[in-house]
Amino acid sequence: MNLSAPQPMTVLFFDHTARMGGGEISLFNLVTHVDRSKIEPVVVLASDGELRDRLRAAGVEVHVLSLDESVTEVRKDTLSSTKAVSFAQVSQIVRYIWRLRGFMRARGAEIVHANSLKADLIAAVAARLCGVPVIWHVRDRIADDYLPPLATRIFRLLCRVLPNFVIVNSNATLATLEIPRQKRARVIYNGVVHDGLPPEEFEEDPTLLRGRIQQGAHGALVMAPKPEVNDRELLIGLVGRISPWKGQDIFLRAAAEVIKKFPNTRFQIIGSAMFGEEDYEREIHQICDDLELNDYVEWTGFRRDVPQLISKLDLLVHASKTGEPFGQVVVEAMMAGKPVIATAGGGIPEIVLDGQTGYLVPMNDAPAMADAIIRMLEDPTSARKMGERGRKRAGEHFAIGRTANKISRVYDHLLVDRNNWRRRKRSLRSASLGFVLGGAAMMWWLKRRM
């Protein structure tokens, strides 16, 4: 055993939920891909659930310090006044902060990395009480179209004073924070995990490939050419939780126009309602029925095999009606070599290059979305090239290894700053002590001379 080898820094990651939303997927990807020889990740969750199970299965140290659901399940659209949080909830938060502070100190956390808006506020106070640097990883656009105006103003203000460093998932997210230039902040795109399958494995279902194997000249087995796009069933998918701002209704209205020209097209809506949005799910099922699309649309519900489902799509559609902070699913589709049609809001234009890796369309515009889908289906050669360029771009800019390395460098800088500050404090203490002792000696000498 090499006793002189440097010990990995202990980074405590904190999230208020264990449900597998986009932020939690990004957290899982990050902590399972950091260099464990340099960083020892410790994850603390304020509730139990799938994320804890997945982290444990991946060999990551994880702890659940439960916080009452009346706090963890507060919806952002209720934060419209100072009365949105009750005295009882504030009392629970204060006690929880003190408990979390004790855990940070006992576990020897050197950096605290908060992963969600609720986690940001709780972890920042606990870390400050411990004297530990805290990072806010902001994965949501802090704007009035996403949060109530009061919550937006408060979060922007706190963002200037509480965290030591701010990481954001896109330039679009950074712009909504409106923080001064001197505030330490950096755009680091969410890292997406690619499962390593070669590109050809993403092209079609293996059962379809077997159907194209034919016997050629001299008995050799050859692959028959793919059927023309108009001669086979096409599959277009939208991935994401069922929510009013995700635009499933726009997707369905666009689908109704597409099938008029491509009646062999089928559509998948991959995802389910979360956070009490079941009423909207019933509403869009009714829209599907009203548009007579039931024979064309498949509702998969919540799925854990999203990469496999994406691999079977001809193209992926992103239909969000308000600006998406990043667009994880869009990157996953590009990793799989799929062309993308996406709404031009939030961080999406930083991912999709219009006309090169897909098409960007205005938000809330079903006719424009339908036109883009039809244009892509009419030119499968161009669509295939877009998918190839998208795969290259995703690998170069959004791979998880790149993200983990950039965040690790942030940790290094924070620790260097912290150690420098501690040395300066010791120097100041020494200088102050020397000044006091020197002054006392001078006073004693003067007194003796008198």
Protein backbone atom coordinates (compact mmCIF):
# COMPACT_ATOMS: atom_id res chain seq x y z
CA MET A 1 0.00 0.00 0.00
CA ASN A 2 1.35 3.38 -1.06
CA LEU A 3 0.79 5.66 1.94
CA SER A 4 2.10 8.65 0.02
CA ALA A 5 -0.52 8.37 -2.74
CA PRO A 6 -2.95 11.32 -2.70
CA GLN A 7 -6.35 10.53 -1.27
CA PRO A 8 -9.41 11.21 -3.45
CA MET A 9 -11.42 14.28 -2.51
CA THR A 10 -14.81 13.56 -0.95
CA VAL A 11 -17.59 15.24 -2.95
CA LEU A 12 -21.05 15.11 -1.45
CA PHE A 13 -23.85 15.22 -4.03
CA PHE A 14 -27.27 16.24 -2.75
CA ASP A 15 -30.67 15.88 -4.44
CA HIS A 16 -34.13 16.36 -2.96
CA THR A 17 -35.67 13.43 -4.87
CA ALA A 18 -34.90 9.86 -5.90
CA ARG A 19 -37.35 9.85 -8.80
CA MET A 20 -35.61 9.39 -12.14
CA GLY A 21 -36.19 12.73 -13.83
CA GLY A 22 -33.78 14.35 -16.27
CA GLY A 23 -31.66 15.91 -13.53
CA GLU A 24 -31.41 12.62 -11.66
CA ILE A 25 -30.36 10.77 -14.81
CA SER A 26 -27.62 13.36 -15.32
CA LEU A 27 -26.53 13.00 -11.69
CA PHE A 28 -26.36 9.21 -12.02
CA ASN A 29 -24.31 9.51 -15.21
CA LEU A 30 -21.90 11.95 -13.56
CA VAL A 31 -21.21 10.07 -10.31
CA THR A 32 -20.75 6.78 -12.14
CA HIS A 33 -18.20 8.28 -14.55
CA VAL A 34 -15.98 10.49 -12.37
CA ASP A 35 -12.41 9.33 -11.86
CA ARG A 36 -12.68 7.40 -8.59
CA SER A 37 -8.94 7.66 -8.01
CA LYS A 38 -9.40 11.42 -7.67
CA ILE A 39 -12.99 11.80 -6.48
CA GLU A 40 -14.94 9.81 -3.90
CA PRO A 41 -18.63 10.49 -4.60
CA VAL A 42 -21.08 10.35 -1.70
CA VAL A 43 -24.72 10.87 -2.65
CA VAL A 44 -27.33 12.08 -0.15
CA LEU A 45 -31.01 11.97 -1.11
CA ALA A 46 -33.91 13.56 0.76
CA SER A 47 -36.26 10.75 -0.31
CA ASP A 48 -36.06 7.10 -1.24
CA GLY A 49 -36.65 5.63 -4.66
CA GLU A 50 -35.20 4.28 -7.89
CA LEU A 51 -32.17 6.56 -7.95
CA ARG A 52 -30.93 5.13 -4.66
CA ASP A 53 -31.32 1.58 -5.95
CA ARG A 54 -29.46 2.33 -9.18
CA LEU A 55 -26.62 4.08 -7.36
CA ARG A 56 -26.18 1.20 -4.94
CA ALA A 57 -26.18 -1.28 -7.80
CA ALA A 58 -23.45 0.81 -9.46
CA GLY A 59 -21.31 0.70 -6.31
CA VAL A 60 -21.79 4.35 -5.33
CA GLU A 61 -22.10 5.26 -1.66
CA VAL A 62 -25.60 6.63 -1.14
CA HIS A 63 -27.56 7.71 1.94
CA VAL A 64 -31.19 8.67 2.40
CA LEU A 65 -31.80 11.46 4.92
CA SER A 66 -35.55 11.71 4.65
CA LEU A 67 -37.29 15.07 4.41
CA ASP A 68 -41.06 15.28 4.69
CA GLU A 69 -42.96 15.07 1.40
CA SER A 70 -44.74 18.33 2.23
CA VAL A 71 -41.38 19.95 1.40
CA THR A 72 -39.89 17.69 -1.28
CA GLU A 73 -43.15 17.57 -3.27
CA VAL A 74 -43.84 21.32 -3.31
CA ARG A 75 -44.71 22.20 -6.90
CA LYS A 76 -42.96 25.13 -8.50
CA ASP A 77 -46.24 26.69 -9.70
CA THR A 78 -47.35 27.14 -6.06
CA LEU A 79 -44.41 29.42 -5.22
CA SER A 80 -46.22 32.60 -6.22
CA SER A 81 -46.25 34.35 -2.84
CA THR A 82 -44.39 34.46 0.47
CA LYS A 83 -47.24 32.41 1.96
CA ALA A 84 -46.55 29.48 -0.37
CA VAL A 85 -44.40 27.82 2.33
CA SER A 86 -45.94 27.35 5.76
CA PHE A 87 -44.27 27.88 9.13
CA ALA A 88 -44.33 24.12 9.68
CA GLN A 89 -42.47 23.55 6.41
CA VAL A 90 -39.89 26.22 7.28
CA SER A 91 -39.37 24.57 10.66
CA GLN A 92 -38.81 21.19 8.98
CA ILE A 93 -36.32 22.72 6.53
CA VAL A 94 -34.34 24.37 9.34
CA ARG A 95 -34.09 21.11 11.29
CA TYR A 96 -33.14 19.25 8.12
CA ILE A 97 -30.38 21.74 7.28
CA TRP A 98 -28.86 21.21 10.73
CA ARG A 99 -29.07 17.44 10.26
CA LEU A 100 -27.49 17.63 6.82
CA ARG A 101 -24.74 19.88 8.17
CA GLY A 102 -23.91 17.23 10.79
CA PHE A 103 -23.73 14.54 8.12
CA MET A 104 -21.46 16.66 5.91
CA ARG A 105 -19.09 17.23 8.80
CA ALA A 106 -19.12 13.57 9.94
CA ARG A 107 -18.53 12.28 6.40
CA GLY A 108 -15.69 14.74 5.78
CA ALA A 109 -17.22 16.41 2.74
CA GLU A 110 -14.70 18.68 0.99
CA ILE A 111 -17.12 19.95 -1.69
CA VAL A 112 -20.91 19.92 -1.82
CA HIS A 113 -22.57 19.57 -5.23
CA ALA A 114 -26.32 20.40 -5.19
CA ASN A 115 -28.31 18.91 -8.07
CA SER A 116 -31.77 20.54 -8.06
CA LEU A 117 -33.40 23.87 -7.23
CA LYS A 118 -34.70 22.66 -3.85
CA ALA A 119 -31.40 20.94 -3.14
CA ASP A 120 -29.53 24.15 -3.98
CA LEU A 121 -31.18 26.15 -1.21
CA ILE A 122 -30.91 23.48 1.48
CA ALA A 123 -27.37 22.35 0.67
CA ALA A 124 -26.01 25.88 0.40
CA VAL A 125 -26.94 26.80 3.96
CA ALA A 126 -25.74 23.47 5.37
CA ALA A 127 -22.43 23.73 3.50
CA ARG A 128 -21.90 27.33 4.61
CA LEU A 129 -22.41 26.26 8.23
CA CYS A 130 -19.70 23.63 7.68
CA GLY A 131 -17.33 26.00 5.91
CA VAL A 132 -17.37 23.76 2.81
CA PRO A 133 -17.52 25.11 -0.78
CA VAL A 134 -20.87 24.51 -2.46
CA ILE A 135 -21.69 24.20 -6.17
CA TRP A 136 -25.14 24.86 -7.55
CA HIS A 137 -25.81 22.74 -10.63
CA VAL A 138 -28.67 24.65 -12.24
CA ARG A 139 -30.51 22.46 -14.74
CA ASP A 140 -33.66 24.60 -15.10
CA ARG A 141 -34.27 27.90 -16.83
CA ILE A 142 -34.87 30.51 -14.11
CA ALA A 143 -37.45 32.49 -16.04
CA ASP A 144 -41.05 33.60 -15.61
CA ASP A 145 -42.29 31.07 -18.19
CA TYR A 146 -40.97 28.26 -15.99
CA LEU A 147 -41.18 29.58 -12.40
CA PRO A 148 -43.55 32.08 -10.78
CA PRO A 149 -42.05 35.61 -11.02
CA LEU A 150 -41.45 35.87 -7.25
CA ALA A 151 -39.56 32.56 -7.17
CA THR A 152 -37.53 33.67 -10.19
CA ARG A 153 -36.43 36.92 -8.51
CA ILE A 154 -35.56 35.22 -5.21
CA PHE A 155 -33.53 32.44 -6.84
CA ARG A 156 -31.58 34.92 -9.00
CA LEU A 157 -30.74 36.95 -5.91
CA LEU A 158 -29.64 33.93 -3.87
CA CYS A 159 -27.59 32.66 -6.80
CA ARG A 160 -25.37 35.73 -6.39
CA VAL A 161 -24.59 35.15 -2.72
CA LEU A 162 -24.94 31.51 -1.64
CA PRO A 163 -22.97 29.21 -3.98
CA ASN A 164 -19.20 29.35 -4.43
CA PHE A 165 -19.62 28.24 -8.03
CA VAL A 166 -22.51 27.77 -10.45
CA ILE A 167 -22.62 25.10 -13.16
CA VAL A 168 -25.35 25.41 -15.79
CA ASN A 169 -26.37 22.97 -18.52
CA SER A 170 -26.61 25.49 -21.38
CA ASN A 171 -25.95 29.09 -22.34
CA ALA A 172 -29.73 29.53 -22.40
CA THR A 173 -29.92 28.54 -18.72
CA LEU A 174 -27.01 30.82 -17.83
CA ALA A 175 -28.70 33.80 -19.49
CA THR A 176 -31.81 33.37 -17.33
CA LEU A 177 -29.78 33.63 -14.10
CA GLU A 178 -28.75 37.22 -14.88
CA ILE A 179 -25.71 36.91 -12.61
CA PRO A 180 -22.81 39.39 -12.75
CA ARG A 181 -19.84 38.50 -14.90
CA GLN A 182 -17.55 38.31 -11.90
CA LYS A 183 -19.68 35.56 -10.36
CA ARG A 184 -18.01 32.23 -10.94
CA ALA A 185 -20.20 30.29 -13.35
CA ARG A 186 -19.59 27.92 -16.23
CA VAL A 187 -21.62 26.18 -18.91
CA ILE A 188 -21.01 22.42 -18.84
CA TYR A 189 -23.41 20.42 -20.98
CA ASN A 190 -25.08 17.36 -19.47
CA GLY A 191 -23.11 14.25 -20.31
CA VAL A 192 -24.94 11.48 -22.10
CA VAL A 193 -23.93 7.84 -21.87
CA HIS A 194 -23.58 5.96 -25.13
CA ASP A 195 -23.79 2.21 -24.77
CA GLY A 196 -21.00 1.57 -27.23
CA LEU A 197 -22.99 -0.28 -29.90
CA PRO A 198 -21.59 0.28 -33.37
CA PRO A 199 -23.72 2.52 -35.62
CA GLU A 200 -25.13 -0.36 -37.66
CA GLU A 201 -26.69 -1.83 -34.52
CA PHE A 202 -28.90 1.22 -34.26
CA GLU A 203 -30.29 0.97 -37.76
CA GLU A 204 -33.07 -1.57 -37.40
CA ASP A 205 -34.61 -4.25 -35.24
CA PRO A 206 -32.52 -7.46 -35.70
CA THR A 207 -35.68 -9.34 -36.70
CA LEU A 208 -36.08 -6.96 -39.65
CA LEU A 209 -32.46 -7.50 -40.64
CA ARG A 210 -32.94 -11.26 -40.67
CA GLY A 211 -35.85 -10.77 -43.05
CA ARG A 212 -33.52 -9.04 -45.53
CA ILE A 213 -30.85 -11.78 -45.67
CA GLN A 214 -30.97 -13.48 -49.07
CA GLN A 215 -28.93 -16.08 -50.93
CA GLY A 216 -26.82 -14.47 -53.63
CA ALA A 217 -24.65 -15.81 -56.39
CA HIS A 218 -22.62 -18.97 -55.62
CA GLY A 219 -24.69 -19.55 -52.49
CA ALA A 220 -23.29 -16.56 -50.57
CA LEU A 221 -25.56 -14.84 -48.09
CA VAL A 222 -26.10 -11.17 -48.89
CA MET A 223 -28.13 -8.34 -47.40
CA ALA A 224 -30.99 -7.21 -49.59
CA PRO A 225 -31.29 -3.43 -50.00
CA LYS A 226 -33.49 -1.60 -47.56
CA PRO A 227 -37.04 -1.07 -48.79
CA GLU A 228 -37.80 2.42 -50.08
CA VAL A 229 -39.05 4.72 -47.38
CA ASN A 230 -42.51 4.92 -48.91
CA ASP A 231 -42.81 1.11 -49.03
CA ARG A 232 -42.29 0.39 -45.36
CA GLU A 233 -43.79 1.49 -42.09
CA LEU A 234 -42.11 4.58 -40.64
CA LEU A 235 -41.76 5.18 -36.92
CA ILE A 236 -41.54 8.65 -35.38
CA GLY A 237 -41.16 9.10 -31.64
CA LEU A 238 -41.47 11.71 -28.93
CA VAL A 239 -39.79 10.95 -25.59
CA GLY A 240 -40.45 12.63 -22.27
CA ARG A 241 -42.80 12.80 -19.36
CA ILE A 242 -46.37 13.65 -20.29
CA SER A 243 -46.75 17.29 -19.28
CA PRO A 244 -48.48 20.34 -20.81
CA TRP A 245 -45.20 22.08 -21.64
CA LYS A 246 -43.69 19.00 -23.32
CA GLY A 247 -45.99 19.45 -26.30
CA GLN A 248 -47.55 16.03 -26.83
CA ASP A 249 -50.65 17.83 -28.14
CA ILE A 250 -48.57 19.65 -30.79
CA PHE A 251 -46.98 16.33 -31.78
CA LEU A 252 -50.40 14.73 -32.25
CA ARG A 253 -51.71 17.61 -34.37
CA ALA A 254 -48.60 17.41 -36.54
CA ALA A 255 -49.06 13.65 -36.84
CA ALA A 256 -52.58 14.15 -38.18
CA GLU A 257 -51.10 16.14 -41.10
CA VAL A 258 -48.20 13.78 -41.75
CA ILE A 259 -50.36 10.69 -42.23
CA LYS A 260 -52.24 12.44 -45.04
CA LYS A 261 -49.07 12.21 -47.15
CA PHE A 262 -47.39 9.23 -45.44
CA PRO A 263 -50.23 6.94 -44.30
CA ASN A 264 -47.72 4.20 -43.47
CA THR A 265 -46.31 6.33 -40.64
CA ARG A 266 -46.68 5.32 -37.00
CA PHE A 267 -46.02 7.45 -33.93
CA GLN A 268 -44.79 6.58 -30.45
CA ILE A 269 -45.31 8.69 -27.34
CA ILE A 270 -42.76 7.36 -24.86
CA GLY A 271 -43.27 8.43 -21.25
CA SER A 272 -45.92 8.84 -18.59
CA ALA A 273 -47.43 11.57 -16.44
CA MET A 274 -45.61 12.56 -13.26
CA PHE A 275 -46.05 15.14 -10.53
CA GLY A 276 -49.86 15.07 -10.61
CA GLU A 277 -50.29 15.67 -14.35
CA GLU A 278 -52.69 12.80 -14.99
CA ASP A 279 -55.45 15.21 -16.05
CA TYR A 280 -53.32 16.39 -18.96
CA GLU A 281 -52.61 12.77 -19.90
CA ARG A 282 -56.34 12.14 -20.18
CA GLU A 283 -56.71 15.33 -22.21
CA ILE A 284 -54.17 14.34 -24.85
CA HIS A 285 -55.64 10.85 -25.12
CA GLN A 286 -58.91 12.60 -25.95
CA ILE A 287 -57.13 14.74 -28.56
CA CYS A 288 -55.73 11.56 -30.12
CA ASP A 289 -59.25 10.13 -30.25
CA ASP A 290 -60.72 13.34 -31.71
CA LEU A 291 -58.06 13.38 -34.46
CA GLU A 292 -58.81 9.71 -35.23
CA LEU A 293 -55.20 8.74 -34.61
CA ASN A 294 -55.73 5.74 -32.35
CA ASP A 295 -54.61 3.32 -35.09
CA TYR A 296 -51.45 5.35 -35.68
CA VAL A 297 -50.24 6.21 -32.17
CA GLU A 298 -48.66 3.90 -29.59
CA TRP A 299 -48.52 5.00 -25.95
CA THR A 300 -45.65 3.12 -24.33
CA GLY A 301 -46.00 4.54 -20.83
CA PHE A 302 -42.94 4.82 -18.60
CA ARG A 303 -40.03 2.81 -20.01
CA ARG A 304 -36.53 2.08 -18.78
CA ASP A 305 -35.31 0.91 -22.21
CA VAL A 306 -35.51 4.32 -23.88
CA PRO A 307 -32.21 3.91 -25.81
CA GLN A 308 -33.50 0.69 -27.33
CA LEU A 309 -36.77 2.36 -28.31
CA ILE A 310 -34.92 5.31 -29.84
CA SER A 311 -32.77 2.90 -31.87
CA LYS A 312 -35.89 1.69 -33.68
CA LEU A 313 -37.13 5.16 -34.66
CA ASP A 314 -36.73 6.70 -38.09
CA LEU A 315 -36.57 10.12 -36.49
CA LEU A 316 -37.13 11.75 -33.12
CA VAL A 317 -39.33 14.78 -32.49
CA HIS A 318 -38.90 17.21 -29.62
CA ALA A 319 -42.03 19.35 -29.18
CA SER A 320 -41.59 21.40 -25.99
CA LYS A 321 -43.79 24.51 -25.85
CA THR A 322 -41.46 26.48 -23.57
CA GLY A 323 -37.69 26.62 -23.79
CA GLU A 324 -36.02 23.40 -22.70
CA PRO A 325 -32.99 24.02 -20.45
CA PHE A 326 -30.96 21.36 -22.26
CA GLY A 327 -32.50 18.44 -24.14
CA GLN A 328 -31.09 15.13 -22.92
CA VAL A 329 -33.32 12.98 -25.12
CA VAL A 330 -32.30 14.98 -28.19
CA VAL A 331 -28.65 14.17 -27.52
CA GLU A 332 -29.50 10.49 -26.93
CA ALA A 333 -31.18 10.36 -30.34
CA MET A 334 -28.19 12.03 -31.98
CA MET A 335 -25.87 9.52 -30.28
CA ALA A 336 -27.95 6.81 -31.94
CA GLY A 337 -27.57 8.46 -35.35
CA LYS A 338 -31.15 9.65 -35.58
CA PRO A 339 -32.14 12.89 -37.30
CA VAL A 340 -34.06 15.25 -35.02
CA ILE A 341 -36.87 17.73 -35.43
CA ALA A 342 -37.02 20.04 -32.42
CA THR A 343 -38.58 23.27 -31.26
CA ALA A 344 -36.19 26.22 -31.31
CA GLY A 345 -36.26 27.31 -27.69
CA GLY A 346 -34.01 27.24 -24.65
CA GLY A 347 -30.84 25.19 -25.04
CA ILE A 348 -31.99 23.12 -28.01
CA PRO A 349 -30.34 25.35 -30.68
CA GLU A 350 -27.04 24.72 -28.88
CA ILE A 351 -27.50 21.00 -29.61
CA VAL A 352 -29.30 20.74 -32.96
CA LEU A 353 -27.72 22.52 -35.91
CA ASP A 354 -30.62 23.50 -38.14
CA GLY A 355 -30.37 21.87 -41.57
CA GLN A 356 -27.25 19.90 -40.57
CA THR A 357 -28.23 17.49 -37.78
CA GLY A 358 -31.99 18.08 -38.01
CA TYR A 359 -34.57 20.81 -38.33
CA LEU A 360 -35.59 23.48 -35.82
CA VAL A 361 -39.19 24.69 -35.84
CA PRO A 362 -41.02 27.39 -33.85
CA MET A 363 -42.59 26.39 -30.55
CA ASN A 364 -46.35 25.82 -30.45
CA ASP A 365 -46.52 25.45 -34.25
CA ALA A 366 -48.00 22.11 -35.30
CA PRO A 367 -48.14 22.98 -39.06
CA ALA A 368 -44.43 23.91 -39.07
CA MET A 369 -43.61 20.67 -37.26
CA ALA A 370 -45.64 18.65 -39.74
CA ASP A 371 -43.90 20.36 -42.68
CA ALA A 372 -40.47 19.56 -41.23
CA ILE A 373 -41.39 15.90 -40.67
CA ILE A 374 -42.73 15.58 -44.21
CA ARG A 375 -39.62 17.26 -45.66
CA MET A 376 -37.41 14.78 -43.83
CA LEU A 377 -39.48 11.75 -44.84
CA GLU A 378 -39.42 12.86 -48.48
CA ASP A 379 -35.62 12.86 -48.53
CA PRO A 380 -34.36 9.80 -46.59
CA THR A 381 -30.82 10.20 -47.95
CA SER A 382 -30.55 13.68 -46.50
CA ALA A 383 -32.13 12.47 -43.24
CA ARG A 384 -29.56 9.69 -42.97
CA LYS A 385 -26.71 12.17 -43.46
CA MET A 386 -28.20 14.41 -40.78
CA GLY A 387 -28.21 11.46 -38.42
CA GLU A 388 -24.56 10.73 -39.17
CA ARG A 389 -23.54 14.34 -38.58
CA GLY A 390 -25.61 14.36 -35.39
CA ARG A 391 -23.84 11.26 -34.06
CA LYS A 392 -20.46 12.89 -34.68
CA ARG A 393 -21.51 16.15 -33.02
CA ALA A 394 -22.98 14.39 -29.98
CA GLY A 395 -19.84 12.34 -29.46
CA GLU A 396 -17.62 15.42 -29.68
CA HIS A 397 -19.63 17.75 -27.44
CA PHE A 398 -21.97 15.80 -25.16
CA ALA A 399 -20.22 12.56 -24.15
CA ILE A 400 -20.25 11.86 -20.40
CA GLY A 401 -16.45 11.58 -20.18
CA ARG A 402 -16.05 15.15 -21.41
CA THR A 403 -18.61 16.40 -18.88
CA ALA A 404 -17.06 14.51 -15.95
CA ASN A 405 -13.59 15.86 -16.76
CA LYS A 406 -14.80 19.46 -16.91
CA ILE A 407 -16.65 19.19 -13.61
CA SER A 408 -13.63 17.55 -11.98
CA ARG A 409 -11.56 20.58 -12.95
CA VAL A 410 -14.11 22.81 -11.20
CA TYR A 411 -13.65 20.75 -8.04
CA ASP A 412 -9.86 21.13 -8.31
CA HIS A 413 -10.12 24.92 -8.62
CA LEU A 414 -12.46 25.17 -5.63
CA LEU A 415 -10.15 23.12 -3.43
CA VAL A 416 -7.13 25.16 -4.48
CA ASP A 417 -9.02 28.36 -3.65
CA ARG A 418 -10.14 26.95 -0.32
CA ASN A 419 -6.63 25.88 0.63
CA ASN A 420 -5.20 29.23 -0.44
CA TRP A 421 -7.79 31.03 1.67
CA ARG A 422 -6.94 28.85 4.66
CA ARG A 423 -3.25 29.65 4.21
CA ARG A 424 -4.06 33.34 3.95
CA LYS A 425 -6.15 33.10 7.13
CA ARG A 426 -3.28 31.41 8.95
CA SER A 427 -0.87 34.06 7.67
CA LEU A 428 -3.24 36.80 8.77
CA ARG A 429 -3.59 35.18 12.18
CA SER A 430 0.19 34.88 12.48
CA ALA A 431 0.67 38.48 11.35
CA SER A 432 -1.99 39.67 13.75
CA LEU A 433 -0.46 37.70 16.62
CA GLY A 434 2.98 39.05 15.73
CA PHE A 435 1.62 42.58 15.61
CA VAL A 436 -0.03 42.18 19.02
CA LEU A 437 3.07 40.59 20.59
CA GLY A 438 5.35 43.16 18.98
CA GLY A 439 3.15 45.97 20.21
CA ALA A 440 3.13 44.51 23.72
CA ALA A 441 6.93 44.15 23.68
CA MET A 442 7.32 47.73 22.50
CA MET A 443 5.01 48.96 25.24
CA TRP A 444 7.01 46.98 27.83
CA TRP A 445 10.32 48.38 26.53
CA LEU A 446 9.01 51.96 26.53
CA LYS A 447 7.68 51.49 30.03
CA ARG A 448 11.09 50.22 31.22
CA ARG A 449 12.81 53.22 29.62
CA MET A 450 10.53 55.64 31.38
